[in-house]
Amino acid sequence: MNPTTNLLQPLTIANAPAGSKPIMEDIQKGFGFIPNLMATFANSPEMLKGYLALDAEWDRTSFTPQERNFALLAASLENECGYSGACAVAVDGRWQATRKPRDRSGRGHHLEIGE
């Protein structure tokens, strides 16, 4: 059996379950597109709602919007997630990220953000 057989695929508004469609429409209106993570979570309306609830809690932290974006960008770069990293930079638009190895082993990275 192929290990990727059971992986969820990103959905569109057209092929999403009924419970996810209005949520995806709101996401589309807010972002101008539907990020892949949210499109994948749309396979389960409950999962999509849960993710958005967690995101709303994250927005209520004492971190500034720039600090939250920096944390997400750092995690994306550390996990070599080019799509999320590009998304975080695109949302803020002013940042340029440079990843430098923290040590000679190449594990971990130091993130420098310049405006």
N, C-alpha and C. Protein backbone atom coordinates (compact mmCIF):
# COMPACT_ATOMS: atom_id res chain seq x y z
N MET A 1 0.82 -1.18 0.00
CA MET A 1 0.00 0.00 0.00
C MET A 1 0.87 1.25 0.00
N ASN A 2 0.53 2.20 -0.82
CA ASN A 2 1.24 3.46 -0.90
C ASN A 2 0.96 4.27 0.36
N PRO A 3 2.00 4.73 1.09
CA PRO A 3 1.76 5.45 2.34
C PRO A 3 1.03 6.78 2.14
N THR A 4 1.02 7.31 0.93
CA THR A 4 0.34 8.58 0.70
C THR A 4 -1.11 8.40 0.25
N THR A 5 -1.55 7.17 0.12
CA THR A 5 -2.90 6.89 -0.36
C THR A 5 -3.98 7.56 0.49
N ASN A 6 -3.81 7.54 1.79
CA ASN A 6 -4.85 8.04 2.69
C ASN A 6 -4.68 9.51 3.09
N LEU A 7 -3.72 10.19 2.47
CA LEU A 7 -3.54 11.59 2.83
C LEU A 7 -4.69 12.44 2.30
N LEU A 8 -5.05 13.43 3.08
CA LEU A 8 -6.10 14.35 2.67
C LEU A 8 -5.56 15.31 1.61
N GLN A 9 -6.40 15.66 0.69
CA GLN A 9 -6.03 16.60 -0.36
C GLN A 9 -6.68 17.94 -0.10
N PRO A 10 -6.03 19.04 -0.49
CA PRO A 10 -6.67 20.35 -0.37
C PRO A 10 -7.94 20.39 -1.22
N LEU A 11 -8.96 21.04 -0.70
CA LEU A 11 -10.23 21.13 -1.40
C LEU A 11 -10.47 22.55 -1.89
N THR A 12 -11.40 22.67 -2.81
CA THR A 12 -11.87 23.97 -3.26
C THR A 12 -13.25 24.19 -2.65
N ILE A 13 -13.76 25.38 -2.79
CA ILE A 13 -15.12 25.64 -2.31
C ILE A 13 -16.10 24.71 -3.01
N ALA A 14 -15.86 24.45 -4.28
CA ALA A 14 -16.78 23.63 -5.07
C ALA A 14 -16.86 22.18 -4.59
N ASN A 15 -15.74 21.61 -4.14
CA ASN A 15 -15.77 20.19 -3.77
C ASN A 15 -15.66 19.94 -2.25
N ALA A 16 -15.77 21.00 -1.47
CA ALA A 16 -15.70 20.87 0.00
C ALA A 16 -17.03 20.40 0.55
N PRO A 17 -17.00 19.75 1.72
CA PRO A 17 -18.26 19.37 2.38
C PRO A 17 -19.10 20.62 2.66
N ALA A 18 -20.38 20.45 2.73
CA ALA A 18 -21.31 21.57 2.93
C ALA A 18 -20.94 22.43 4.14
N GLY A 19 -20.50 21.79 5.22
CA GLY A 19 -20.15 22.53 6.43
C GLY A 19 -18.91 23.39 6.30
N SER A 20 -18.06 23.07 5.33
CA SER A 20 -16.82 23.84 5.13
C SER A 20 -16.99 24.98 4.12
N LYS A 21 -17.97 24.87 3.23
CA LYS A 21 -18.11 25.85 2.15
C LYS A 21 -18.22 27.29 2.63
N PRO A 22 -19.15 27.62 3.57
CA PRO A 22 -19.24 29.02 3.97
C PRO A 22 -17.98 29.53 4.68
N ILE A 23 -17.31 28.64 5.39
CA ILE A 23 -16.07 29.02 6.07
C ILE A 23 -14.99 29.32 5.03
N MET A 24 -14.90 28.47 4.02
CA MET A 24 -13.92 28.69 2.95
C MET A 24 -14.22 29.97 2.18
N GLU A 25 -15.48 30.27 2.00
CA GLU A 25 -15.85 31.52 1.33
C GLU A 25 -15.37 32.72 2.14
N ASP A 26 -15.52 32.66 3.46
CA ASP A 26 -15.03 33.73 4.33
C ASP A 26 -13.51 33.85 4.26
N ILE A 27 -12.83 32.71 4.23
CA ILE A 27 -11.37 32.71 4.13
C ILE A 27 -10.96 33.34 2.80
N GLN A 28 -11.63 32.96 1.73
CA GLN A 28 -11.35 33.51 0.40
C GLN A 28 -11.51 35.04 0.41
N LYS A 29 -12.58 35.50 1.03
CA LYS A 29 -12.82 36.95 1.10
C LYS A 29 -11.73 37.65 1.92
N GLY A 30 -11.32 37.03 3.01
CA GLY A 30 -10.34 37.64 3.89
C GLY A 30 -8.93 37.68 3.33
N PHE A 31 -8.50 36.57 2.73
CA PHE A 31 -7.13 36.46 2.23
C PHE A 31 -7.01 36.78 0.73
N GLY A 32 -8.10 36.63 0.02
CA GLY A 32 -8.03 36.74 -1.43
C GLY A 32 -7.70 35.41 -2.08
N PHE A 33 -7.46 34.39 -1.27
CA PHE A 33 -7.19 33.03 -1.71
C PHE A 33 -7.40 32.12 -0.50
N ILE A 34 -7.34 30.82 -0.72
CA ILE A 34 -7.48 29.87 0.39
C ILE A 34 -6.14 29.15 0.57
N PRO A 35 -5.44 29.42 1.68
CA PRO A 35 -4.16 28.74 1.91
C PRO A 35 -4.34 27.22 1.92
N ASN A 36 -3.32 26.51 1.45
CA ASN A 36 -3.38 25.05 1.34
C ASN A 36 -3.72 24.37 2.65
N LEU A 37 -3.18 24.84 3.76
CA LEU A 37 -3.46 24.21 5.05
C LEU A 37 -4.95 24.26 5.35
N MET A 38 -5.55 25.42 5.14
CA MET A 38 -6.98 25.56 5.40
C MET A 38 -7.80 24.77 4.39
N ALA A 39 -7.34 24.72 3.15
CA ALA A 39 -8.04 23.93 2.12
C ALA A 39 -7.99 22.44 2.46
N THR A 40 -6.92 22.01 3.09
CA THR A 40 -6.81 20.60 3.50
C THR A 40 -7.67 20.34 4.72
N PHE A 41 -7.64 21.25 5.68
CA PHE A 41 -8.49 21.10 6.86
C PHE A 41 -9.97 21.13 6.50
N ALA A 42 -10.31 21.69 5.36
CA ALA A 42 -11.71 21.77 4.92
C ALA A 42 -12.32 20.39 4.68
N ASN A 43 -11.50 19.33 4.61
CA ASN A 43 -12.03 17.98 4.50
C ASN A 43 -12.94 17.66 5.68
N SER A 44 -12.70 18.32 6.80
CA SER A 44 -13.52 18.16 8.00
C SER A 44 -13.93 19.55 8.49
N PRO A 45 -15.20 19.90 8.40
CA PRO A 45 -15.61 21.22 8.89
C PRO A 45 -15.19 21.45 10.34
N GLU A 46 -15.21 20.41 11.16
CA GLU A 46 -14.82 20.55 12.57
C GLU A 46 -13.34 20.88 12.69
N MET A 47 -12.51 20.25 11.86
CA MET A 47 -11.08 20.53 11.88
C MET A 47 -10.81 21.96 11.44
N LEU A 48 -11.48 22.40 10.40
CA LEU A 48 -11.31 23.76 9.92
C LEU A 48 -11.75 24.77 10.98
N LYS A 49 -12.89 24.52 11.61
CA LYS A 49 -13.37 25.41 12.68
C LYS A 49 -12.40 25.42 13.85
N GLY A 50 -11.87 24.25 14.20
CA GLY A 50 -10.92 24.16 15.30
C GLY A 50 -9.64 24.93 15.02
N TYR A 51 -9.14 24.81 13.80
CA TYR A 51 -7.93 25.55 13.42
C TYR A 51 -8.18 27.05 13.51
N LEU A 52 -9.31 27.50 12.99
CA LEU A 52 -9.62 28.92 13.02
C LEU A 52 -9.82 29.43 14.45
N ALA A 53 -10.37 28.59 15.33
CA ALA A 53 -10.52 28.96 16.74
C ALA A 53 -9.14 29.11 17.39
N LEU A 54 -8.23 28.18 17.10
CA LEU A 54 -6.87 28.26 17.62
C LEU A 54 -6.17 29.51 17.09
N ASP A 55 -6.37 29.81 15.82
CA ASP A 55 -5.78 31.00 15.22
C ASP A 55 -6.33 32.26 15.88
N ALA A 56 -7.61 32.27 16.19
CA ALA A 56 -8.21 33.43 16.87
C ALA A 56 -7.61 33.61 18.27
N GLU A 57 -7.35 32.51 18.98
CA GLU A 57 -6.70 32.61 20.29
C GLU A 57 -5.29 33.16 20.15
N TRP A 58 -4.58 32.73 19.14
CA TRP A 58 -3.22 33.20 18.87
C TRP A 58 -3.25 34.72 18.66
N ASP A 59 -4.28 35.22 17.97
CA ASP A 59 -4.41 36.66 17.73
C ASP A 59 -4.67 37.43 19.02
N ARG A 60 -5.18 36.77 20.05
CA ARG A 60 -5.48 37.44 21.32
C ARG A 60 -4.31 37.42 22.30
N THR A 61 -3.18 36.88 21.91
CA THR A 61 -2.03 36.87 22.81
C THR A 61 -1.49 38.28 22.98
N SER A 62 -0.54 38.43 23.87
CA SER A 62 0.08 39.74 24.10
C SER A 62 1.12 40.09 23.04
N PHE A 63 1.40 39.16 22.12
CA PHE A 63 2.35 39.43 21.05
C PHE A 63 1.75 40.42 20.05
N THR A 64 2.60 41.27 19.51
CA THR A 64 2.14 42.19 18.45
C THR A 64 1.93 41.38 17.17
N PRO A 65 1.20 41.93 16.21
CA PRO A 65 1.06 41.22 14.93
C PRO A 65 2.41 40.90 14.30
N GLN A 66 3.37 41.80 14.39
CA GLN A 66 4.70 41.53 13.82
C GLN A 66 5.41 40.40 14.56
N GLU A 67 5.28 40.36 15.88
CA GLU A 67 5.90 39.28 16.65
C GLU A 67 5.27 37.94 16.31
N ARG A 68 3.94 37.92 16.14
CA ARG A 68 3.26 36.67 15.77
C ARG A 68 3.72 36.22 14.39
N ASN A 69 3.80 37.16 13.46
CA ASN A 69 4.24 36.81 12.11
C ASN A 69 5.68 36.31 12.13
N PHE A 70 6.53 36.94 12.92
CA PHE A 70 7.92 36.51 13.04
C PHE A 70 8.01 35.09 13.58
N ALA A 71 7.22 34.78 14.61
CA ALA A 71 7.23 33.43 15.19
C ALA A 71 6.80 32.40 14.14
N LEU A 72 5.75 32.71 13.38
CA LEU A 72 5.29 31.78 12.34
C LEU A 72 6.33 31.63 11.23
N LEU A 73 6.96 32.74 10.85
CA LEU A 73 7.99 32.69 9.82
C LEU A 73 9.19 31.86 10.30
N ALA A 74 9.60 32.08 11.55
CA ALA A 74 10.73 31.32 12.09
C ALA A 74 10.43 29.82 12.11
N ALA A 75 9.22 29.46 12.54
CA ALA A 75 8.84 28.04 12.56
C ALA A 75 8.80 27.47 11.15
N SER A 76 8.30 28.24 10.20
CA SER A 76 8.23 27.78 8.81
C SER A 76 9.63 27.55 8.24
N LEU A 77 10.51 28.49 8.49
CA LEU A 77 11.87 28.34 7.98
C LEU A 77 12.61 27.20 8.67
N GLU A 78 12.43 27.08 9.97
CA GLU A 78 13.09 26.00 10.72
C GLU A 78 12.64 24.64 10.21
N ASN A 79 11.37 24.53 9.84
CA ASN A 79 10.82 23.27 9.35
C ASN A 79 10.89 23.14 7.83
N GLU A 80 11.63 24.07 7.21
CA GLU A 80 11.85 24.07 5.76
C GLU A 80 10.54 24.03 4.98
N CYS A 81 9.59 24.80 5.45
CA CYS A 81 8.30 24.90 4.79
C CYS A 81 8.29 26.16 3.95
N GLY A 82 8.74 26.07 2.73
CA GLY A 82 8.86 27.21 1.85
C GLY A 82 7.55 27.92 1.61
N TYR A 83 6.48 27.16 1.47
CA TYR A 83 5.18 27.78 1.19
C TYR A 83 4.74 28.66 2.34
N SER A 84 4.81 28.15 3.56
CA SER A 84 4.38 28.93 4.72
C SER A 84 5.29 30.12 4.95
N GLY A 85 6.58 29.92 4.74
CA GLY A 85 7.52 31.03 4.90
C GLY A 85 7.25 32.12 3.90
N ALA A 86 6.99 31.73 2.67
CA ALA A 86 6.68 32.72 1.63
C ALA A 86 5.38 33.43 1.94
N CYS A 87 4.43 32.69 2.48
CA CYS A 87 3.13 33.27 2.85
C CYS A 87 3.32 34.31 3.95
N ALA A 88 4.10 33.98 4.96
CA ALA A 88 4.32 34.90 6.07
C ALA A 88 4.99 36.18 5.60
N VAL A 89 5.96 36.06 4.71
CA VAL A 89 6.63 37.24 4.17
C VAL A 89 5.67 38.03 3.30
N ALA A 90 4.85 37.34 2.52
CA ALA A 90 3.90 38.02 1.64
C ALA A 90 2.87 38.79 2.45
N VAL A 91 2.44 38.24 3.57
CA VAL A 91 1.44 38.91 4.40
C VAL A 91 2.02 40.21 4.95
N ASP A 92 3.25 40.18 5.43
CA ASP A 92 3.84 41.39 5.97
C ASP A 92 4.47 42.24 4.87
N GLY A 93 5.08 41.59 3.89
CA GLY A 93 5.60 42.27 2.73
C GLY A 93 6.90 43.02 2.90
N ARG A 94 7.24 43.41 4.11
CA ARG A 94 8.43 44.24 4.30
C ARG A 94 9.65 43.43 4.71
N TRP A 95 9.45 42.20 5.09
CA TRP A 95 10.55 41.45 5.68
C TRP A 95 11.33 40.68 4.64
N GLN A 96 12.61 40.56 4.90
CA GLN A 96 13.45 39.66 4.13
C GLN A 96 14.10 38.74 5.16
N ALA A 97 13.98 37.46 4.93
CA ALA A 97 14.50 36.51 5.91
C ALA A 97 15.76 35.86 5.39
N THR A 98 16.72 35.72 6.26
CA THR A 98 17.95 35.02 5.93
C THR A 98 18.17 33.97 7.01
N ARG A 99 18.34 32.73 6.56
CA ARG A 99 18.58 31.63 7.50
C ARG A 99 20.06 31.31 7.49
N LYS A 100 20.67 31.32 8.67
CA LYS A 100 22.08 30.98 8.79
C LYS A 100 22.22 29.83 9.77
N PRO A 101 23.06 28.83 9.45
CA PRO A 101 23.24 27.72 10.40
C PRO A 101 23.70 28.24 11.75
N ARG A 102 23.14 27.65 12.82
CA ARG A 102 23.49 28.03 14.18
C ARG A 102 24.84 27.46 14.57
N ASP A 103 25.15 26.32 14.05
CA ASP A 103 26.42 25.70 14.41
C ASP A 103 26.96 24.93 13.19
N ARG A 104 28.14 24.38 13.33
CA ARG A 104 28.79 23.70 12.21
C ARG A 104 28.07 22.45 11.75
N SER A 105 27.24 21.88 12.61
CA SER A 105 26.52 20.66 12.25
C SER A 105 25.42 20.96 11.24
N GLY A 106 25.03 22.25 11.13
CA GLY A 106 23.95 22.62 10.22
C GLY A 106 22.58 22.47 10.85
N ARG A 107 22.54 21.98 12.10
CA ARG A 107 21.25 21.82 12.78
C ARG A 107 20.81 23.17 13.35
N GLY A 108 19.55 23.44 13.26
CA GLY A 108 19.03 24.69 13.79
C GLY A 108 19.45 25.86 12.93
N HIS A 109 18.81 26.95 13.08
CA HIS A 109 19.13 28.12 12.29
C HIS A 109 18.92 29.39 13.08
N HIS A 110 19.69 30.38 12.71
CA HIS A 110 19.52 31.72 13.25
C HIS A 110 18.75 32.49 12.19
N LEU A 111 17.71 33.14 12.55
CA LEU A 111 16.87 33.86 11.60
C LEU A 111 17.12 35.35 11.76
N GLU A 112 17.52 35.98 10.66
CA GLU A 112 17.69 37.42 10.66
C GLU A 112 16.60 38.03 9.81
N ILE A 113 15.92 39.01 10.37
CA ILE A 113 14.85 39.68 9.64
C ILE A 113 15.26 41.13 9.45
N GLY A 114 15.23 41.57 8.23
CA GLY A 114 15.54 42.97 7.92
C GLY A 114 14.37 43.60 7.20
N GLU A 115 14.18 44.87 7.44
CA GLU A 115 13.08 45.58 6.76
C GLU A 115 13.64 46.36 5.60
